[in-house]
């Protein structure tokens, strides 16, 4: 359970950053990461609401970092 919580706090943020670097757009990167998280929820890999909450927090952190990173690249 602890491993899943740690992964839920890190992997969605890393996915957002990765997809942002690949697509050069932080909104599309976040959308792709959300699609993967939703697919994993429907598949049944998210067993508790706490893991889902950590996924949402991590997605928000990844979005914030990607937006900040994208703003620095534009300047």
PDB file of N, CA and C in Angstrom:
ATOM      1  N   UNK A   1       0.823  -1.195   0.000  1.00  0.00           N
ATOM      2  CA  UNK A   1       0.000   0.000   0.000  1.00  0.00           C
ATOM      3  C   UNK A   1       0.866   1.257   0.000  1.00  0.00           C
ATOM      4  N   UNK A   2       1.954   1.222   0.772  1.00  0.00           N
ATOM      5  CA  UNK A   2       2.833   2.393   0.851  1.00  0.00           C
ATOM      6  C   UNK A   2       3.490   2.647  -0.498  1.00  0.00           C
ATOM      7  N   UNK A   3       3.855   1.587  -1.199  1.00  0.00           N
ATOM      8  CA  UNK A   3       4.473   1.729  -2.514  1.00  0.00           C
ATOM      9  C   UNK A   3       3.509   2.383  -3.502  1.00  0.00           C
ATOM     10  N   UNK A   4       2.247   1.974  -3.460  1.00  0.00           N
ATOM     11  CA  UNK A   4       1.256   2.574  -4.354  1.00  0.00           C
ATOM     12  C   UNK A   4       1.046   4.056  -4.045  1.00  0.00           C
ATOM     13  N   UNK A   5       1.081   4.418  -2.770  1.00  0.00           N
ATOM     14  CA  UNK A   5       0.916   5.824  -2.414  1.00  0.00           C
ATOM     15  C   UNK A   5       2.106   6.665  -2.885  1.00  0.00           C
ATOM     16  N   UNK A   6       3.305   6.122  -2.747  1.00  0.00           N
ATOM     17  CA  UNK A   6       4.494   6.847  -3.203  1.00  0.00           C
ATOM     18  C   UNK A   6       4.468   7.004  -4.725  1.00  0.00           C
ATOM     19  N   UNK A   7       4.089   5.939  -5.414  1.00  0.00           N
ATOM     20  CA  UNK A   7       3.986   6.018  -6.872  1.00  0.00           C
ATOM     21  C   UNK A   7       2.880   6.974  -7.299  1.00  0.00           C
ATOM     22  N   UNK A   8       1.782   7.020  -6.559  1.00  0.00           N
ATOM     23  CA  UNK A   8       0.694   7.935  -6.880  1.00  0.00           C
ATOM     24  C   UNK A   8       1.110   9.387  -6.685  1.00  0.00           C
ATOM     25  N   UNK A   9       2.066   9.631  -5.796  1.00  0.00           N
ATOM     26  CA  UNK A   9       2.551  10.994  -5.583  1.00  0.00           C
ATOM     27  C   UNK A   9       3.593  11.421  -6.609  1.00  0.00           C
ATOM     28  N   UNK A  10       4.237  10.484  -7.280  1.00  0.00           N
ATOM     29  CA  UNK A  10       5.320  10.862  -8.180  1.00  0.00           C
ATOM     30  C   UNK A  10       5.011  10.633  -9.662  1.00  0.00           C
ATOM     31  N   UNK A  11       4.441   9.502 -10.007  1.00  0.00           N
ATOM     32  CA  UNK A  11       4.293   9.150 -11.423  1.00  0.00           C
ATOM     33  C   UNK A  11       3.387  10.087 -12.230  1.00  0.00           C
ATOM     34  N   UNK A  12       2.232  10.507 -11.741  1.00  0.00           N
ATOM     35  CA  UNK A  12       1.431  11.423 -12.562  1.00  0.00           C
ATOM     36  C   UNK A  12       2.142  12.741 -12.871  1.00  0.00           C
ATOM     37  N   UNK A  13       2.882  13.273 -11.901  1.00  0.00           N
ATOM     38  CA  UNK A  13       3.624  14.507 -12.163  1.00  0.00           C
ATOM     39  C   UNK A  13       4.704  14.277 -13.209  1.00  0.00           C
ATOM     40  N   UNK A  14       5.395  13.155 -13.115  1.00  0.00           N
ATOM     41  CA  UNK A  14       6.418  12.849 -14.103  1.00  0.00           C
ATOM     42  C   UNK A  14       5.814  12.627 -15.486  1.00  0.00           C
ATOM     43  N   UNK A  15       4.632  12.010 -15.534  1.00  0.00           N
ATOM     44  CA  UNK A  15       3.960  11.817 -16.821  1.00  0.00           C
ATOM     45  C   UNK A  15       3.582  13.152 -17.459  1.00  0.00           C
ATOM     46  N   UNK A  16       3.087  14.082 -16.654  1.00  0.00           N
ATOM     47  CA  UNK A  16       2.723  15.394 -17.181  1.00  0.00           C
ATOM     48  C   UNK A  16       3.958  16.087 -17.750  1.00  0.00           C
ATOM     49  N   UNK A  17       5.050  16.044 -17.022  1.00  0.00           N
ATOM     50  CA  UNK A  17       6.280  16.687 -17.494  1.00  0.00           C
ATOM     51  C   UNK A  17       6.781  16.007 -18.770  1.00  0.00           C
ATOM     52  N   UNK A  18       6.764  14.690 -18.798  1.00  0.00           N
ATOM     53  CA  UNK A  18       7.215  13.960 -19.981  1.00  0.00           C
ATOM     54  C   UNK A  18       6.350  14.288 -21.196  1.00  0.00           C
ATOM     55  N   UNK A  19       5.046  14.222 -21.039  1.00  0.00           N
ATOM     56  CA  UNK A  19       4.152  14.515 -22.163  1.00  0.00           C
ATOM     57  C   UNK A  19       4.256  15.977 -22.589  1.00  0.00           C
ATOM     58  N   UNK A  20       4.522  16.869 -21.658  1.00  0.00           N
ATOM     59  CA  UNK A  20       4.701  18.273 -22.008  1.00  0.00           C
ATOM     60  C   UNK A  20       5.961  18.463 -22.842  1.00  0.00           C
ATOM     61  N   UNK A  21       7.024  17.764 -22.476  1.00  0.00           N
ATOM     62  CA  UNK A  21       8.262  17.877 -23.250  1.00  0.00           C
ATOM     63  C   UNK A  21       8.102  17.270 -24.646  1.00  0.00           C
ATOM     64  N   UNK A  22       7.299  16.234 -24.760  1.00  0.00           N
ATOM     65  CA  UNK A  22       7.118  15.580 -26.060  1.00  0.00           C
ATOM     66  C   UNK A  22       6.199  16.398 -26.966  1.00  0.00           C
ATOM     67  N   UNK A  23       5.112  16.934 -26.412  1.00  0.00           N
ATOM     68  CA  UNK A  23       4.129  17.643 -27.226  1.00  0.00           C
ATOM     69  C   UNK A  23       4.368  19.144 -27.301  1.00  0.00           C
ATOM     70  N   UNK A  24       5.252  19.686 -26.463  1.00  0.00           N
ATOM     71  CA  UNK A  24       5.524  21.126 -26.394  1.00  0.00           C
ATOM     72  C   UNK A  24       4.299  21.938 -25.993  1.00  0.00           C
ATOM     73  N   UNK A  25       3.379  21.312 -25.265  1.00  0.00           N
ATOM     74  CA  UNK A  25       2.183  22.006 -24.798  1.00  0.00           C
ATOM     75  C   UNK A  25       1.780  21.397 -23.463  1.00  0.00           C
ATOM     76  N   UNK A  26       1.746  22.226 -22.424  1.00  0.00           N
ATOM     77  CA  UNK A  26       1.461  21.694 -21.095  1.00  0.00           C
ATOM     78  C   UNK A  26       0.007  21.290 -20.916  1.00  0.00           C
ATOM     79  N   UNK A  27      -0.896  21.866 -21.668  1.00  0.00           N
ATOM     80  CA  UNK A  27      -2.307  21.496 -21.559  1.00  0.00           C
ATOM     81  C   UNK A  27      -2.534  20.107 -22.176  1.00  0.00           C
ATOM     82  N   UNK A  28      -1.948  19.869 -23.323  1.00  0.00           N
ATOM     83  CA  UNK A  28      -2.079  18.552 -23.952  1.00  0.00           C
ATOM     84  C   UNK A  28      -1.365  17.493 -23.106  1.00  0.00           C
ATOM     85  N   UNK A  29      -0.212  17.840 -22.557  1.00  0.00           N
ATOM     86  CA  UNK A  29       0.507  16.907 -21.688  1.00  0.00           C
ATOM     87  C   UNK A  29      -0.301  16.524 -20.469  1.00  0.00           C
ATOM     88  N   UNK A  30      -0.974  17.504 -19.882  1.00  0.00           N
ATOM     89  CA  UNK A  30      -1.820  17.220 -18.726  1.00  0.00           C
ATOM     90  C   UNK A  30      -3.030  16.378 -19.137  1.00  0.00           C
ATOM     91  N   UNK A  31      -3.598  16.675 -20.272  1.00  0.00           N
ATOM     92  CA  UNK A  31      -4.742  15.898 -20.759  1.00  0.00           C
ATOM     93  C   UNK A  31      -4.395  14.441 -21.016  1.00  0.00           C
ATOM     94  N   UNK A  32      -3.221  14.200 -21.582  1.00  0.00           N
ATOM     95  CA  UNK A  32      -2.787  12.819 -21.815  1.00  0.00           C
ATOM     96  C   UNK A  32      -2.550  12.081 -20.500  1.00  0.00           C
ATOM     97  N   UNK A  33      -1.965  12.768 -19.527  1.00  0.00           N
ATOM     98  CA  UNK A  33      -1.742  12.133 -18.223  1.00  0.00           C
ATOM     99  C   UNK A  33      -3.074  11.844 -17.530  1.00  0.00           C
ATOM    100  N   UNK A  34      -4.021  12.759 -17.639  1.00  0.00           N
ATOM    101  CA  UNK A  34      -5.349  12.528 -17.048  1.00  0.00           C
ATOM    102  C   UNK A  34      -6.013  11.334 -17.715  1.00  0.00           C
ATOM    103  N   UNK A  35      -5.877  11.222 -19.032  1.00  0.00           N
ATOM    104  CA  UNK A  35      -6.465  10.084 -19.748  1.00  0.00           C
ATOM    105  C   UNK A  35      -5.876   8.766 -19.252  1.00  0.00           C
ATOM    106  N   UNK A  36      -4.573   8.727 -19.015  1.00  0.00           N
ATOM    107  CA  UNK A  36      -3.962   7.511 -18.488  1.00  0.00           C
ATOM    108  C   UNK A  36      -4.441   7.189 -17.081  1.00  0.00           C
ATOM    109  N   UNK A  37      -4.588   8.200 -16.244  1.00  0.00           N
ATOM    110  CA  UNK A  37      -5.066   7.981 -14.873  1.00  0.00           C
ATOM    111  C   UNK A  37      -6.509   7.482 -14.895  1.00  0.00           C
ATOM    112  N   UNK A  38      -7.346   8.079 -15.736  1.00  0.00           N
ATOM    113  CA  UNK A  38      -8.749   7.650 -15.833  1.00  0.00           C
ATOM    114  C   UNK A  38      -8.829   6.211 -16.338  1.00  0.00           C
ATOM    115  N   UNK A  39      -7.996   5.867 -17.313  1.00  0.00           N
ATOM    116  CA  UNK A  39      -7.981   4.491 -17.809  1.00  0.00           C
ATOM    117  C   UNK A  39      -7.563   3.511 -16.715  1.00  0.00           C
ATOM    118  N   UNK A  40      -6.591   3.889 -15.896  1.00  0.00           N
ATOM    119  CA  UNK A  40      -6.172   2.986 -14.822  1.00  0.00           C
ATOM    120  C   UNK A  40      -7.249   2.857 -13.746  1.00  0.00           C
ATOM    121  N   UNK A  41      -8.005   3.923 -13.515  1.00  0.00           N
ATOM    122  CA  UNK A  41      -9.117   3.843 -12.549  1.00  0.00           C
ATOM    123  C   UNK A  41     -10.193   2.903 -13.063  1.00  0.00           C
ATOM    124  N   UNK A  42     -10.545   3.038 -14.350  1.00  0.00           N
ATOM    125  CA  UNK A  42     -11.562   2.160 -14.923  1.00  0.00           C
ATOM    126  C   UNK A  42     -11.093   0.710 -14.999  1.00  0.00           C
ATOM    127  N   UNK A  43      -9.805   0.508 -15.162  1.00  0.00           N
ATOM    128  CA  UNK A  43      -9.263  -0.842 -15.219  1.00  0.00           C
ATOM    129  C   UNK A  43      -9.223  -1.497 -13.842  1.00  0.00           C
ATOM    130  N   UNK A  44      -9.265  -0.694 -12.788  1.00  0.00           N
ATOM    131  CA  UNK A  44      -9.330  -1.239 -11.444  1.00  0.00           C
ATOM    132  C   UNK A  44      -8.031  -1.209 -10.673  1.00  0.00           C
ATOM    133  N   UNK A  45      -7.061  -0.412 -11.106  1.00  0.00           N
ATOM    134  CA  UNK A  45      -5.780  -0.361 -10.415  1.00  0.00           C
ATOM    135  C   UNK A  45      -5.783   0.591  -9.222  1.00  0.00           C
ATOM    136  N   UNK A  46      -6.761   1.449  -9.136  1.00  0.00           N
ATOM    137  CA  UNK A  46      -6.879   2.366  -8.008  1.00  0.00           C
ATOM    138  C   UNK A  46      -7.855   1.749  -7.016  1.00  0.00           C
ATOM    139  N   UNK A  47      -7.335   1.268  -5.900  1.00  0.00           N
ATOM    140  CA  UNK A  47      -8.168   0.518  -4.969  1.00  0.00           C
ATOM    141  C   UNK A  47      -8.809   1.375  -3.891  1.00  0.00           C
ATOM    142  N   UNK A  48      -8.192   2.481  -3.526  1.00  0.00           N
ATOM    143  CA  UNK A  48      -8.745   3.323  -2.465  1.00  0.00           C
ATOM    144  C   UNK A  48      -8.879   4.753  -2.963  1.00  0.00           C
ATOM    145  N   UNK A  49      -9.688   5.524  -2.266  1.00  0.00           N
ATOM    146  CA  UNK A  49      -9.866   6.916  -2.632  1.00  0.00           C
ATOM    147  C   UNK A  49      -8.603   7.728  -2.314  1.00  0.00           C
ATOM    148  N   UNK A  50      -7.789   7.265  -1.386  1.00  0.00           N
ATOM    149  CA  UNK A  50      -6.560   7.973  -1.031  1.00  0.00           C
ATOM    150  C   UNK A  50      -5.562   7.964  -2.195  1.00  0.00           C
ATOM    151  N   UNK A  51      -5.479   6.867  -2.902  1.00  0.00           N
ATOM    152  CA  UNK A  51      -4.605   6.811  -4.070  1.00  0.00           C
ATOM    153  C   UNK A  51      -5.110   7.771  -5.145  1.00  0.00           C
ATOM    154  N   UNK A  52      -6.399   7.836  -5.343  1.00  0.00           N
ATOM    155  CA  UNK A  52      -6.973   8.786  -6.295  1.00  0.00           C
ATOM    156  C   UNK A  52      -6.705  10.222  -5.908  1.00  0.00           C
ATOM    157  N   UNK A  53      -6.790  10.509  -4.619  1.00  0.00           N
ATOM    158  CA  UNK A  53      -6.495  11.860  -4.135  1.00  0.00           C
ATOM    159  C   UNK A  53      -5.033  12.216  -4.384  1.00  0.00           C
ATOM    160  N   UNK A  54      -4.138  11.279  -4.112  1.00  0.00           N
ATOM    161  CA  UNK A  54      -2.719  11.523  -4.357  1.00  0.00           C
ATOM    162  C   UNK A  54      -2.437  11.691  -5.848  1.00  0.00           C
ATOM    163  N   UNK A  55      -3.154  10.966  -6.698  1.00  0.00           N
ATOM    164  CA  UNK A  55      -3.014  11.137  -8.144  1.00  0.00           C
ATOM    165  C   UNK A  55      -3.399  12.557  -8.557  1.00  0.00           C
ATOM    166  N   UNK A  56      -4.493  13.055  -8.012  1.00  0.00           N
ATOM    167  CA  UNK A  56      -4.956  14.405  -8.353  1.00  0.00           C
ATOM    168  C   UNK A  56      -3.961  15.457  -7.865  1.00  0.00           C
ATOM    169  N   UNK A  57      -3.437  15.282  -6.663  1.00  0.00           N
ATOM    170  CA  UNK A  57      -2.441  16.222  -6.125  1.00  0.00           C
ATOM    171  C   UNK A  57      -1.195  16.212  -7.003  1.00  0.00           C
ATOM    172  N   UNK A  58      -0.761  15.031  -7.402  1.00  0.00           N
ATOM    173  CA  UNK A  58       0.424  14.915  -8.238  1.00  0.00           C
ATOM    174  C   UNK A  58       0.186  15.496  -9.632  1.00  0.00           C
ATOM    175  N   UNK A  59      -1.002  15.293 -10.188  1.00  0.00           N
ATOM    176  CA  UNK A  59      -1.317  15.902 -11.477  1.00  0.00           C
ATOM    177  C   UNK A  59      -1.277  17.419 -11.385  1.00  0.00           C
ATOM    178  N   UNK A  60      -1.790  17.960 -10.300  1.00  0.00           N
ATOM    179  CA  UNK A  60      -1.739  19.412 -10.103  1.00  0.00           C
ATOM    180  C   UNK A  60      -0.317  19.929  -9.996  1.00  0.00           C
ATOM    181  N   UNK A  61       0.514  19.211  -9.267  1.00  0.00           N
ATOM    182  CA  UNK A  61       1.919  19.608  -9.138  1.00  0.00           C
ATOM    183  C   UNK A  61       2.639  19.518 -10.481  1.00  0.00           C
ATOM    184  N   UNK A  62       2.360  18.467 -11.241  1.00  0.00           N
ATOM    185  CA  UNK A  62       2.966  18.327 -12.563  1.00  0.00           C
ATOM    186  C   UNK A  62       2.502  19.412 -13.515  1.00  0.00           C
ATOM    187  N   UNK A  63       1.226  19.774 -13.443  1.00  0.00           N
ATOM    188  CA  UNK A  63       0.701  20.855 -14.270  1.00  0.00           C
ATOM    189  C   UNK A  63       1.370  22.172 -13.913  1.00  0.00           C
ATOM    190  N   UNK A  64       1.506  22.436 -12.615  1.00  0.00           N
ATOM    191  CA  UNK A  64       2.139  23.675 -12.164  1.00  0.00           C
ATOM    192  C   UNK A  64       3.589  23.748 -12.650  1.00  0.00           C
ATOM    193  N   UNK A  65       4.323  22.654 -12.487  1.00  0.00           N
ATOM    194  CA  UNK A  65       5.723  22.639 -12.900  1.00  0.00           C
ATOM    195  C   UNK A  65       5.858  22.768 -14.422  1.00  0.00           C
ATOM    196  N   UNK A  66       5.001  22.095 -15.164  1.00  0.00           N
ATOM    197  CA  UNK A  66       5.065  22.162 -16.621  1.00  0.00           C
ATOM    198  C   UNK A  66       4.721  23.557 -17.121  1.00  0.00           C
ATOM    199  N   UNK A  67       3.741  24.181 -16.501  1.00  0.00           N
ATOM    200  CA  UNK A  67       3.371  25.537 -16.882  1.00  0.00           C
ATOM    201  C   UNK A  67       4.520  26.493 -16.593  1.00  0.00           C
ATOM    202  N   UNK A  68       5.162  26.304 -15.457  1.00  0.00           N
ATOM    203  CA  UNK A  68       6.298  27.139 -15.074  1.00  0.00           C
ATOM    204  C   UNK A  68       7.475  26.896 -16.037  1.00  0.00           C
ATOM    205  N   UNK A  69       7.716  25.650 -16.371  1.00  0.00           N
ATOM    206  CA  UNK A  69       8.792  25.286 -17.281  1.00  0.00           C
ATOM    207  C   UNK A  69       8.508  25.837 -18.680  1.00  0.00           C
ATOM    208  N   UNK A  70       7.270  25.746 -19.131  1.00  0.00           N
ATOM    209  CA  UNK A  70       6.887  26.240 -20.444  1.00  0.00           C
ATOM    210  C   UNK A  70       7.033  27.747 -20.513  1.00  0.00           C
ATOM    211  N   UNK A  71       6.712  28.443 -19.435  1.00  0.00           N
ATOM    212  CA  UNK A  71       6.851  29.908 -19.400  1.00  0.00           C
ATOM    213  C   UNK A  71       8.293  30.335 -19.470  1.00  0.00           C
ATOM    214  N   UNK A  72       9.194  29.584 -18.836  1.00  0.00           N
ATOM    215  CA  UNK A  72      10.621  29.914 -18.883  1.00  0.00           C
ATOM    216  C   UNK A  72      11.188  29.669 -20.283  1.00  0.00           C
ATOM    217  N   UNK A  73      10.700  28.644 -20.965  1.00  0.00           N
ATOM    218  CA  UNK A  73      11.197  28.361 -22.315  1.00  0.00           C
ATOM    219  C   UNK A  73      10.778  29.433 -23.319  1.00  0.00           C
ATOM    220  N   UNK A  74       9.612  30.016 -23.108  1.00  0.00           N
ATOM    221  CA  UNK A  74       9.112  31.024 -24.044  1.00  0.00           C
ATOM    222  C   UNK A  74       9.853  32.346 -23.924  1.00  0.00           C
ATOM    223  N   UNK A  75      10.349  32.649 -22.730  1.00  0.00           N
ATOM    224  CA  UNK A  75      10.991  33.965 -22.523  1.00  0.00           C
ATOM    225  C   UNK A  75      12.340  34.044 -23.113  1.00  0.00           C
TER     226      UNK A  75
END
